[in-house]
Amino acid sequence: MTVDKLRTAEEARREAEERRQVKAVQDGCAKVTAALALTPLVAFVVMLAVGALHGVVPAVAPVGYGTTVLLVLGLDAAALITKKFRK
């Protein structure tokens, strides 16, 4: 005959905190993965928008795909830093 060990309230709180931390890490990884996966698409759209703007206003310099990828990464980094300091 086996007897189940009853959990104390402290053990239950500790397990709930561990589950919350694991969920937070999983959510963070999912957000980073989604952002990295969407970066090439966003860069392509920005490149097309700058190209269209260059067609209308020749003073705007045309940029290539590599430049727009770096631009999008830089803007994402700036947004992250701004968001961190605003809190």
PDB file of N, CA and C in Angstrom:
ATOM      1  N   MET A   1       0.850  -1.176   0.000  1.00  0.00           N
ATOM      2  CA  MET A   1       0.000   0.000   0.000  1.00  0.00           C
ATOM      3  C   MET A   1       0.895   1.238   0.000  1.00  0.00           C
ATOM      4  N   THR A   2       0.623   2.162  -0.930  1.00  0.00           N
ATOM      5  CA  THR A   2       1.413   3.386  -0.996  1.00  0.00           C
ATOM      6  C   THR A   2       0.606   4.549  -0.452  1.00  0.00           C
ATOM      7  N   VAL A   3       1.309   5.450   0.144  1.00  0.00           N
ATOM      8  CA  VAL A   3       0.672   6.642   0.699  1.00  0.00           C
ATOM      9  C   VAL A   3       1.227   7.848  -0.055  1.00  0.00           C
ATOM     10  N   ASP A   4       0.329   8.624  -0.631  1.00  0.00           N
ATOM     11  CA  ASP A   4       0.762   9.828  -1.338  1.00  0.00           C
ATOM     12  C   ASP A   4       1.198  10.885  -0.330  1.00  0.00           C
ATOM     13  N   LYS A   5       2.311  11.522  -0.660  1.00  0.00           N
ATOM     14  CA  LYS A   5       2.817  12.565   0.216  1.00  0.00           C
ATOM     15  C   LYS A   5       2.048  13.852  -0.079  1.00  0.00           C
ATOM     16  N   LEU A   6       1.536  14.469   0.941  1.00  0.00           N
ATOM     17  CA  LEU A   6       0.813  15.724   0.775  1.00  0.00           C
ATOM     18  C   LEU A   6       1.813  16.860   0.627  1.00  0.00           C
ATOM     19  N   ARG A   7       1.526  17.746  -0.317  1.00  0.00           N
ATOM     20  CA  ARG A   7       2.402  18.893  -0.527  1.00  0.00           C
ATOM     21  C   ARG A   7       2.038  19.998   0.451  1.00  0.00           C
ATOM     22  N   THR A   8       3.049  20.663   0.925  1.00  0.00           N
ATOM     23  CA  THR A   8       2.790  21.815   1.773  1.00  0.00           C
ATOM     24  C   THR A   8       2.461  23.007   0.883  1.00  0.00           C
ATOM     25  N   ALA A   9       1.958  24.050   1.501  1.00  0.00           N
ATOM     26  CA  ALA A   9       1.613  25.252   0.742  1.00  0.00           C
ATOM     27  C   ALA A   9       2.876  25.861   0.113  1.00  0.00           C
ATOM     28  N   GLU A  10       3.992  25.799   0.827  1.00  0.00           N
ATOM     29  CA  GLU A  10       5.246  26.340   0.302  1.00  0.00           C
ATOM     30  C   GLU A  10       5.705  25.567  -0.921  1.00  0.00           C
ATOM     31  N   GLU A  11       5.605  24.257  -0.906  1.00  0.00           N
ATOM     32  CA  GLU A  11       5.988  23.442  -2.068  1.00  0.00           C
ATOM     33  C   GLU A  11       5.100  23.750  -3.262  1.00  0.00           C
ATOM     34  N   ALA A  12       3.810  23.924  -3.016  1.00  0.00           N
ATOM     35  CA  ALA A  12       2.878  24.242  -4.097  1.00  0.00           C
ATOM     36  C   ALA A  12       3.212  25.601  -4.710  1.00  0.00           C
ATOM     37  N   ARG A  13       3.544  26.597  -3.861  1.00  0.00           N
ATOM     38  CA  ARG A  13       3.921  27.913  -4.369  1.00  0.00           C
ATOM     39  C   ARG A  13       5.213  27.843  -5.173  1.00  0.00           C
ATOM     40  N   ARG A  14       6.174  27.067  -4.694  1.00  0.00           N
ATOM     41  CA  ARG A  14       7.447  26.932  -5.394  1.00  0.00           C
ATOM     42  C   ARG A  14       7.246  26.283  -6.763  1.00  0.00           C
ATOM     43  N   GLU A  15       6.432  25.247  -6.828  1.00  0.00           N
ATOM     44  CA  GLU A  15       6.154  24.592  -8.111  1.00  0.00           C
ATOM     45  C   GLU A  15       5.426  25.529  -9.069  1.00  0.00           C
ATOM     46  N   ALA A  16       4.486  26.309  -8.548  1.00  0.00           N
ATOM     47  CA  ALA A  16       3.760  27.264  -9.392  1.00  0.00           C
ATOM     48  C   ALA A  16       4.715  28.332  -9.928  1.00  0.00           C
ATOM     49  N   GLU A  17       5.662  28.785  -9.098  1.00  0.00           N
ATOM     50  CA  GLU A  17       6.642  29.783  -9.536  1.00  0.00           C
ATOM     51  C   GLU A  17       7.561  29.197 -10.602  1.00  0.00           C
ATOM     52  N   GLU A  18       7.974  27.957 -10.444  1.00  0.00           N
ATOM     53  CA  GLU A  18       8.821  27.307 -11.450  1.00  0.00           C
ATOM     54  C   GLU A  18       8.085  27.166 -12.776  1.00  0.00           C
ATOM     55  N   ARG A  19       6.810  26.797 -12.729  1.00  0.00           N
ATOM     56  CA  ARG A  19       6.014  26.683 -13.957  1.00  0.00           C
ATOM     57  C   ARG A  19       5.872  28.045 -14.637  1.00  0.00           C
ATOM     58  N   ARG A  20       5.693  29.105 -13.822  1.00  0.00           N
ATOM     59  CA  ARG A  20       5.565  30.450 -14.377  1.00  0.00           C
ATOM     60  C   ARG A  20       6.867  30.877 -15.054  1.00  0.00           C
ATOM     61  N   GLN A  21       7.997  30.563 -14.438  1.00  0.00           N
ATOM     62  CA  GLN A  21       9.280  30.926 -15.020  1.00  0.00           C
ATOM     63  C   GLN A  21       9.540  30.172 -16.323  1.00  0.00           C
ATOM     64  N   VAL A  22       9.198  28.891 -16.356  1.00  0.00           N
ATOM     65  CA  VAL A  22       9.382  28.103 -17.578  1.00  0.00           C
ATOM     66  C   VAL A  22       8.507  28.662 -18.690  1.00  0.00           C
ATOM     67  N   LYS A  23       7.276  29.021 -18.365  1.00  0.00           N
ATOM     68  CA  LYS A  23       6.363  29.595 -19.365  1.00  0.00           C
ATOM     69  C   LYS A  23       6.901  30.930 -19.872  1.00  0.00           C
ATOM     70  N   ALA A  24       7.467  31.753 -18.986  1.00  0.00           N
ATOM     71  CA  ALA A  24       8.015  33.044 -19.393  1.00  0.00           C
ATOM     72  C   ALA A  24       9.194  32.855 -20.347  1.00  0.00           C
ATOM     73  N   VAL A  25      10.049  31.882 -20.080  1.00  0.00           N
ATOM     74  CA  VAL A  25      11.188  31.615 -20.960  1.00  0.00           C
ATOM     75  C   VAL A  25      10.692  31.123 -22.319  1.00  0.00           C
ATOM     76  N   GLN A  26       9.711  30.236 -22.321  1.00  0.00           N
ATOM     77  CA  GLN A  26       9.165  29.722 -23.578  1.00  0.00           C
ATOM     78  C   GLN A  26       8.534  30.846 -24.391  1.00  0.00           C
ATOM     79  N   ASP A  27       7.792  31.733 -23.743  1.00  0.00           N
ATOM     80  CA  ASP A  27       7.168  32.855 -24.451  1.00  0.00           C
ATOM     81  C   ASP A  27       8.229  33.790 -25.024  1.00  0.00           C
ATOM     82  N   GLY A  28       9.283  34.044 -24.262  1.00  0.00           N
ATOM     83  CA  GLY A  28      10.362  34.895 -24.745  1.00  0.00           C
ATOM     84  C   GLY A  28      11.059  34.303 -25.958  1.00  0.00           C
ATOM     85  N   CYS A  29      11.312  33.004 -25.911  1.00  0.00           N
ATOM     86  CA  CYS A  29      11.946  32.331 -27.056  1.00  0.00           C
ATOM     87  C   CYS A  29      11.049  32.388 -28.288  1.00  0.00           C
ATOM     88  N   ALA A  30       9.753  32.231 -28.094  1.00  0.00           N
ATOM     89  CA  ALA A  30       8.824  32.300 -29.217  1.00  0.00           C
ATOM     90  C   ALA A  30       8.807  33.699 -29.834  1.00  0.00           C
ATOM     91  N   LYS A  31       8.868  34.733 -28.995  1.00  0.00           N
ATOM     92  CA  LYS A  31       8.876  36.109 -29.511  1.00  0.00           C
ATOM     93  C   LYS A  31      10.149  36.399 -30.294  1.00  0.00           C
ATOM     94  N   VAL A  32      11.291  35.953 -29.779  1.00  0.00           N
ATOM     95  CA  VAL A  32      12.560  36.185 -30.477  1.00  0.00           C
ATOM     96  C   VAL A  32      12.577  35.450 -31.808  1.00  0.00           C
ATOM     97  N   THR A  33      12.093  34.222 -31.811  1.00  0.00           N
ATOM     98  CA  THR A  33      12.054  33.428 -33.043  1.00  0.00           C
ATOM     99  C   THR A  33      11.140  34.083 -34.083  1.00  0.00           C
ATOM    100  N   ALA A  34       9.994  34.558 -33.647  1.00  0.00           N
ATOM    101  CA  ALA A  34       9.066  35.214 -34.570  1.00  0.00           C
ATOM    102  C   ALA A  34       9.673  36.501 -35.133  1.00  0.00           C
ATOM    103  N   ALA A  35      10.333  37.265 -34.272  1.00  0.00           N
ATOM    104  CA  ALA A  35      10.949  38.516 -34.738  1.00  0.00           C
ATOM    105  C   ALA A  35      12.049  38.232 -35.756  1.00  0.00           C
ATOM    106  N   LEU A  36      12.876  37.237 -35.493  1.00  0.00           N
ATOM    107  CA  LEU A  36      13.941  36.900 -36.433  1.00  0.00           C
ATOM    108  C   LEU A  36      13.392  36.347 -37.741  1.00  0.00           C
ATOM    109  N   ALA A  37      12.307  35.599 -37.659  1.00  0.00           N
ATOM    110  CA  ALA A  37      11.715  35.035 -38.869  1.00  0.00           C
ATOM    111  C   ALA A  37      11.064  36.114 -39.738  1.00  0.00           C
ATOM    112  N   LEU A  38      10.536  37.164 -39.114  1.00  0.00           N
ATOM    113  CA  LEU A  38       9.853  38.215 -39.872  1.00  0.00           C
ATOM    114  C   LEU A  38      10.785  39.315 -40.364  1.00  0.00           C
ATOM    115  N   THR A  39      12.010  39.370 -39.851  1.00  0.00           N
ATOM    116  CA  THR A  39      12.941  40.433 -40.241  1.00  0.00           C
ATOM    117  C   THR A  39      13.181  40.491 -41.751  1.00  0.00           C
ATOM    118  N   PRO A  40      13.435  39.373 -42.451  1.00  0.00           N
ATOM    119  CA  PRO A  40      13.645  39.475 -43.910  1.00  0.00           C
ATOM    120  C   PRO A  40      12.425  40.005 -44.662  1.00  0.00           C
ATOM    121  N   LEU A  41      11.231  39.628 -44.222  1.00  0.00           N
ATOM    122  CA  LEU A  41      10.021  40.112 -44.879  1.00  0.00           C
ATOM    123  C   LEU A  41       9.847  41.613 -44.660  1.00  0.00           C
ATOM    124  N   VAL A  42      10.064  42.056 -43.445  1.00  0.00           N
ATOM    125  CA  VAL A  42       9.950  43.491 -43.149  1.00  0.00           C
ATOM    126  C   VAL A  42      10.986  44.271 -43.944  1.00  0.00           C
ATOM    127  N   ALA A  43      12.206  43.755 -44.027  1.00  0.00           N
ATOM    128  CA  ALA A  43      13.265  44.437 -44.773  1.00  0.00           C
ATOM    129  C   ALA A  43      12.902  44.538 -46.257  1.00  0.00           C
ATOM    130  N   PHE A  44      12.307  43.483 -46.800  1.00  0.00           N
ATOM    131  CA  PHE A  44      11.908  43.506 -48.203  1.00  0.00           C
ATOM    132  C   PHE A  44      10.836  44.563 -48.452  1.00  0.00           C
ATOM    133  N   VAL A  45       9.876  44.651 -47.553  1.00  0.00           N
ATOM    134  CA  VAL A  45       8.806  45.648 -47.693  1.00  0.00           C
ATOM    135  C   VAL A  45       9.376  47.063 -47.574  1.00  0.00           C
ATOM    136  N   VAL A  46      10.305  47.269 -46.640  1.00  0.00           N
ATOM    137  CA  VAL A  46      10.930  48.592 -46.503  1.00  0.00           C
ATOM    138  C   VAL A  46      11.710  48.936 -47.772  1.00  0.00           C
ATOM    139  N   MET A  47      12.418  47.950 -48.329  1.00  0.00           N
ATOM    140  CA  MET A  47      13.169  48.183 -49.554  1.00  0.00           C
ATOM    141  C   MET A  47      12.231  48.600 -50.685  1.00  0.00           C
ATOM    142  N   LEU A  48      11.106  47.928 -50.812  1.00  0.00           N
ATOM    143  CA  LEU A  48      10.140  48.293 -51.850  1.00  0.00           C
ATOM    144  C   LEU A  48       9.566  49.691 -51.612  1.00  0.00           C
ATOM    145  N   ALA A  49       9.301  50.022 -50.354  1.00  0.00           N
ATOM    146  CA  ALA A  49       8.752  51.348 -50.042  1.00  0.00           C
ATOM    147  C   ALA A  49       9.761  52.447 -50.362  1.00  0.00           C
ATOM    148  N   VAL A  50      11.024  52.229 -50.014  1.00  0.00           N
ATOM    149  CA  VAL A  50      12.049  53.233 -50.322  1.00  0.00           C
ATOM    150  C   VAL A  50      12.246  53.332 -51.835  1.00  0.00           C
ATOM    151  N   GLY A  51      12.168  52.212 -52.538  1.00  0.00           N
ATOM    152  CA  GLY A  51      12.268  52.243 -53.999  1.00  0.00           C
ATOM    153  C   GLY A  51      11.122  53.016 -54.620  1.00  0.00           C
ATOM    154  N   ALA A  52       9.922  52.835 -54.111  1.00  0.00           N
ATOM    155  CA  ALA A  52       8.776  53.581 -54.629  1.00  0.00           C
ATOM    156  C   ALA A  52       8.914  55.066 -54.326  1.00  0.00           C
ATOM    157  N   LEU A  53       9.412  55.374 -53.139  1.00  0.00           N
ATOM    158  CA  LEU A  53       9.626  56.771 -52.780  1.00  0.00           C
ATOM    159  C   LEU A  53      10.704  57.399 -53.662  1.00  0.00           C
ATOM    160  N   HIS A  54      11.726  56.627 -53.996  1.00  0.00           N
ATOM    161  CA  HIS A  54      12.783  57.100 -54.893  1.00  0.00           C
ATOM    162  C   HIS A  54      12.223  57.388 -56.291  1.00  0.00           C
ATOM    163  N   GLY A  55      11.240  56.594 -56.710  1.00  0.00           N
ATOM    164  CA  GLY A  55      10.622  56.840 -58.014  1.00  0.00           C
ATOM    165  C   GLY A  55       9.855  58.141 -58.059  1.00  0.00           C
ATOM    166  N   VAL A  56       9.319  58.565 -56.922  1.00  0.00           N
ATOM    167  CA  VAL A  56       8.535  59.797 -56.863  1.00  0.00           C
ATOM    168  C   VAL A  56       9.429  60.996 -56.551  1.00  0.00           C
ATOM    169  N   VAL A  57      10.335  60.797 -55.592  1.00  0.00           N
ATOM    170  CA  VAL A  57      11.236  61.876 -55.164  1.00  0.00           C
ATOM    171  C   VAL A  57      12.666  61.409 -55.407  1.00  0.00           C
ATOM    172  N   PRO A  58      13.290  61.836 -56.495  1.00  0.00           N
ATOM    173  CA  PRO A  58      14.633  61.344 -56.820  1.00  0.00           C
ATOM    174  C   PRO A  58      15.708  61.688 -55.792  1.00  0.00           C
ATOM    175  N   ALA A  59      15.438  62.643 -54.907  1.00  0.00           N
ATOM    176  CA  ALA A  59      16.418  63.006 -53.884  1.00  0.00           C
ATOM    177  C   ALA A  59      16.607  61.885 -52.863  1.00  0.00           C
ATOM    178  N   VAL A  60      15.623  60.986 -52.753  1.00  0.00           N
ATOM    179  CA  VAL A  60      15.739  59.856 -51.835  1.00  0.00           C
ATOM    180  C   VAL A  60      16.620  58.807 -52.497  1.00  0.00           C
ATOM    181  N   ALA A  61      17.661  58.411 -51.801  1.00  0.00           N
ATOM    182  CA  ALA A  61      18.604  57.446 -52.371  1.00  0.00           C
ATOM    183  C   ALA A  61      18.000  56.036 -52.363  1.00  0.00           C
ATOM    184  N   PRO A  62      18.166  55.293 -53.464  1.00  0.00           N
ATOM    185  CA  PRO A  62      17.697  53.908 -53.456  1.00  0.00           C
ATOM    186  C   PRO A  62      18.636  53.056 -52.590  1.00  0.00           C
ATOM    187  N   VAL A  63      18.069  52.115 -51.872  1.00  0.00           N
ATOM    188  CA  VAL A  63      18.867  51.244 -51.011  1.00  0.00           C
ATOM    189  C   VAL A  63      18.599  49.791 -51.390  1.00  0.00           C
ATOM    190  N   GLY A  64      19.570  48.965 -51.155  1.00  0.00           N
ATOM    191  CA  GLY A  64      19.441  47.547 -51.474  1.00  0.00           C
ATOM    192  C   GLY A  64      18.897  46.751 -50.301  1.00  0.00           C
ATOM    193  N   TYR A  65      18.785  45.461 -50.512  1.00  0.00           N
ATOM    194  CA  TYR A  65      18.209  44.585 -49.505  1.00  0.00           C
ATOM    195  C   TYR A  65      19.080  44.510 -48.253  1.00  0.00           C
ATOM    196  N   GLY A  66      20.379  44.376 -48.434  1.00  0.00           N
ATOM    197  CA  GLY A  66      21.274  44.279 -47.275  1.00  0.00           C
ATOM    198  C   GLY A  66      21.205  45.512 -46.397  1.00  0.00           C
ATOM    199  N   THR A  67      21.134  46.663 -47.025  1.00  0.00           N
ATOM    200  CA  THR A  67      21.032  47.911 -46.269  1.00  0.00           C
ATOM    201  C   THR A  67      19.731  47.972 -45.494  1.00  0.00           C
ATOM    202  N   THR A  68      18.655  47.525 -46.105  1.00  0.00           N
ATOM    203  CA  THR A  68      17.374  47.580 -45.399  1.00  0.00           C
ATOM    204  C   THR A  68      17.325  46.558 -44.266  1.00  0.00           C
ATOM    205  N   VAL A  69      17.986  45.421 -44.411  1.00  0.00           N
ATOM    206  CA  VAL A  69      18.044  44.464 -43.302  1.00  0.00           C
ATOM    207  C   VAL A  69      18.745  45.111 -42.116  1.00  0.00           C
ATOM    208  N   LEU A  70      19.883  45.746 -42.372  1.00  0.00           N
ATOM    209  CA  LEU A  70      20.594  46.428 -41.291  1.00  0.00           C
ATOM    210  C   LEU A  70      19.768  47.567 -40.710  1.00  0.00           C
ATOM    211  N   LEU A  71      19.052  48.277 -41.563  1.00  0.00           N
ATOM    212  CA  LEU A  71      18.193  49.363 -41.093  1.00  0.00           C
ATOM    213  C   LEU A  71      17.086  48.837 -40.179  1.00  0.00           C
ATOM    214  N   VAL A  72      16.449  47.753 -40.589  1.00  0.00           N
ATOM    215  CA  VAL A  72      15.376  47.168 -39.775  1.00  0.00           C
ATOM    216  C   VAL A  72      15.929  46.658 -38.449  1.00  0.00           C
ATOM    217  N   LEU A  73      17.078  45.991 -38.466  1.00  0.00           N
ATOM    218  CA  LEU A  73      17.681  45.520 -37.217  1.00  0.00           C
ATOM    219  C   LEU A  73      18.036  46.696 -36.307  1.00  0.00           C
ATOM    220  N   GLY A  74      18.561  47.767 -36.885  1.00  0.00           N
ATOM    221  CA  GLY A  74      18.886  48.943 -36.087  1.00  0.00           C
ATOM    222  C   GLY A  74      17.659  49.606 -35.493  1.00  0.00           C
ATOM    223  N   LEU A  75      16.600  49.701 -36.277  1.00  0.00           N
ATOM    224  CA  LEU A  75      15.366  50.291 -35.761  1.00  0.00           C
ATOM    225  C   LEU A  75      14.743  49.423 -34.668  1.00  0.00           C
ATOM    226  N   ASP A  76      14.806  48.106 -34.830  1.00  0.00           N
ATOM    227  CA  ASP A  76      14.315  47.206 -33.785  1.00  0.00           C
ATOM    228  C   ASP A  76      15.121  47.369 -32.497  1.00  0.00           C
ATOM    229  N   ALA A  77      16.439  47.476 -32.634  1.00  0.00           N
ATOM    230  CA  ALA A  77      17.288  47.662 -31.455  1.00  0.00           C
ATOM    231  C   ALA A  77      16.987  49.000 -30.779  1.00  0.00           C
ATOM    232  N   ALA A  78      16.808  50.045 -31.570  1.00  0.00           N
ATOM    233  CA  ALA A  78      16.487  51.358 -31.000  1.00  0.00           C
ATOM    234  C   ALA A  78      15.134  51.335 -30.291  1.00  0.00           C
ATOM    235  N   ALA A  79      14.167  50.639 -30.870  1.00  0.00           N
ATOM    236  CA  ALA A  79      12.855  50.533 -30.234  1.00  0.00           C
ATOM    237  C   ALA A  79      12.946  49.768 -28.916  1.00  0.00           C
ATOM    238  N   LEU A  80      13.757  48.731 -28.886  1.00  0.00           N
ATOM    239  CA  LEU A  80      13.923  47.945 -27.664  1.00  0.00           C
ATOM    240  C   LEU A  80      14.576  48.782 -26.562  1.00  0.00           C
ATOM    241  N   ILE A  81      15.613  49.539 -26.919  1.00  0.00           N
ATOM    242  CA  ILE A  81      16.299  50.374 -25.933  1.00  0.00           C
ATOM    243  C   ILE A  81      15.358  51.459 -25.427  1.00  0.00           C
ATOM    244  N   THR A  82      14.613  52.081 -26.327  1.00  0.00           N
ATOM    245  CA  THR A  82      13.663  53.122 -25.931  1.00  0.00           C
ATOM    246  C   THR A  82      12.599  52.555 -25.007  1.00  0.00           C
ATOM    247  N   LYS A  83      12.093  51.384 -25.332  1.00  0.00           N
ATOM    248  CA  LYS A  83      11.072  50.758 -24.511  1.00  0.00           C
ATOM    249  C   LYS A  83      11.619  50.424 -23.119  1.00  0.00           C
ATOM    250  N   LYS A  84      12.874  49.987 -23.060  1.00  0.00           N
ATOM    251  CA  LYS A  84      13.478  49.623 -21.782  1.00  0.00           C
ATOM    252  C   LYS A  84      13.625  50.853 -20.892  1.00  0.00           C
ATOM    253  N   PHE A  85      14.012  52.005 -21.475  1.00  0.00           N
ATOM    254  CA  PHE A  85      14.200  53.206 -20.671  1.00  0.00           C
ATOM    255  C   PHE A  85      12.892  53.902 -20.314  1.00  0.00           C
ATOM    256  N   ARG A  86      11.826  53.622 -21.039  1.00  0.00           N
ATOM    257  CA  ARG A  86      10.541  54.248 -20.753  1.00  0.00           C
ATOM    258  C   ARG A  86       9.851  53.635 -19.548  1.00  0.00           C
ATOM    259  N   LYS A  87      10.220  52.415 -19.201  1.00  0.00           N
ATOM    260  CA  LYS A  87       9.561  51.738 -18.066  1.00  0.00           C
ATOM    261  C   LYS A  87       9.964  52.308 -16.755  1.00  0.00           C
TER     262      LYS A  87
END
